Amino acid sequence: MSGRDLGDLAAGLVARAVPGEHLEVAVARSTSTTVKAYDGEIESFTSAESFGVGIRVLVERDGGFAQGFAHAGSFDPDVLDETLRDARDNARFAEADPFGGLAEPDGVAAVVQDLWRDELAATTPEARIALALELERAARAGHSAIKGVRVASYGDSAVETALASTAGIGAEDRATSCWLSVSCLAGDEHETHTGYGSSVARHPGGLDVAEAADEAVQQAVRLIGARQVPSQRLVLVLEPKLAATVLGIVGSMLSGEAVVKGRTPFADRVGQAIASPLLTLVDDPTDVRSLGADTYDGEGLACRRNVLIEQGTLQGFLHNSATARRAGTRSTGSAVRGSRSLPGVAPRALAVAPGSRPYAELLAGVDHGILVQSMAGLHSGVNTVSGDFSVGAEGLMIRNGILAEPVREVTIASTLPRLLLDLVAVGSEIEWLPGGSGSAALVFGEVALSGS
């Protein structure tokens, strides 16, 4: 079934709406492959195809909308008939929501993007396997101190979606993506350190085995001999991929859902300085460099560039149609969903605007600091209501602009609002994560490090 067929399927179900009923149908078809290599052999090869249809039925009642939802993992007509009946039944027993309703067309033109690569479907299983094996070999051979590869994997996906509603929305999307990831171990009988590397692309020909392997090897090897250091205050430097992960947490705190639920320290601060003037943070699903790029959001509205923080000043939050109604504003085209779930809200392609200084120059400008390459318990260690965080870290000390001794078993504590205000430099080279976010290296003023 092609993307157009998916659109016809969604539209056909929407056409079955009865008077007084608001109906939305989201349809998806995807194929995915995952290959894992271990010790020169293929540990697993998984290939899957999935189908999904999600149906929302809304009925006006008591000054709001009662909503029913049901989903199916099949395109079989009898199954879809039953799914539609279930959604209608669920709406009968649901409480009315005064902020409910479907997304309405907002006149924003879609930036149609070519995110599909036929080369992915043309890639043989043998070629996929070869990439995973080559990645493991490259990581094992990267340095004499490498004593093993925990996992070396290749993965890809091809996703086609369609959405239609009685509000007049009709949208079709498709995209391919693939990635390499490797985790290797370095050390001796007394210590072991882990390094991680990755490469992302739209098709296998765009992947870089050497880049992923070299990154993992470097991270693992340079930590050999790591020890605790005394507690102190020092400059914090985050490499691009870790910086993107940290900014991803900030992005989750800038969603309309976090605002309406009171789970962010940034509510009611639009127009205020919440970060250094060096920071501009944008969620731009129209940026084709990101694997999170898309033409339409999860409610069929056009994806668009949303500036969240501009030169340190909070510009606004990300909204889907429901959170926008609660906040008295408009959707930013930031609904996210699968065909088997209701729309949520989240960034898709969150990225920092790059600065003008390359990574090496940033390091050279730090007299006394720490380059952190990994944080333990990052997500669980951050209180997204207050922004407080305390996480375990490992990395390298920086002395007079030069990377020095490796460090482990230390804790970094601060708050995300304080950290954003203490940003003192942004690198010029953006790196992208498989999840779609991207960042350059970030340098922050003094933070508290707890050690020995």
Foldseek 3Di string as FASTA:
>chain_A
DDLVVQLVLQVVVQVPDDPQKKKKKKKKKKKKWKWKDFPLHTPDIDIDIWIKMKMWIWGDDPQATQIFIFMDGDPDPVVVVVRVVRRVVNSVPGDGDNLDDADAADPDDWPDDDAADPQAVVDDPVNQNVLQSLLQVLLCPVDPQWDTWPIKMKMKMKMWMWMDIPSGFTDIWIHIKMKIKTKTWGEDPVDIFIFIFMFMDRHPVRGDSNRGSNRGNVRRVQQYPAEWDAWDKFKEKEAKVVVLVVVQLVQVLQALVCQVVLQAPCHPQAFHQLFALQWKKKQALCPSVFPLRIRAAPSRYGAGIDTQAHRRGGHHGAYDSSSCSVVVHHHNRAWHDDSRDDTDGGGRAMEIAADDAAPLVVLLPGAWHWYWHDWPCFVVQARRNFQWGKTFTWGFIRHNSDTDHTHGDKIWTDGPSQFRHQWDHAHHDWDYDNRNYIGHMTMGGITIMHTD
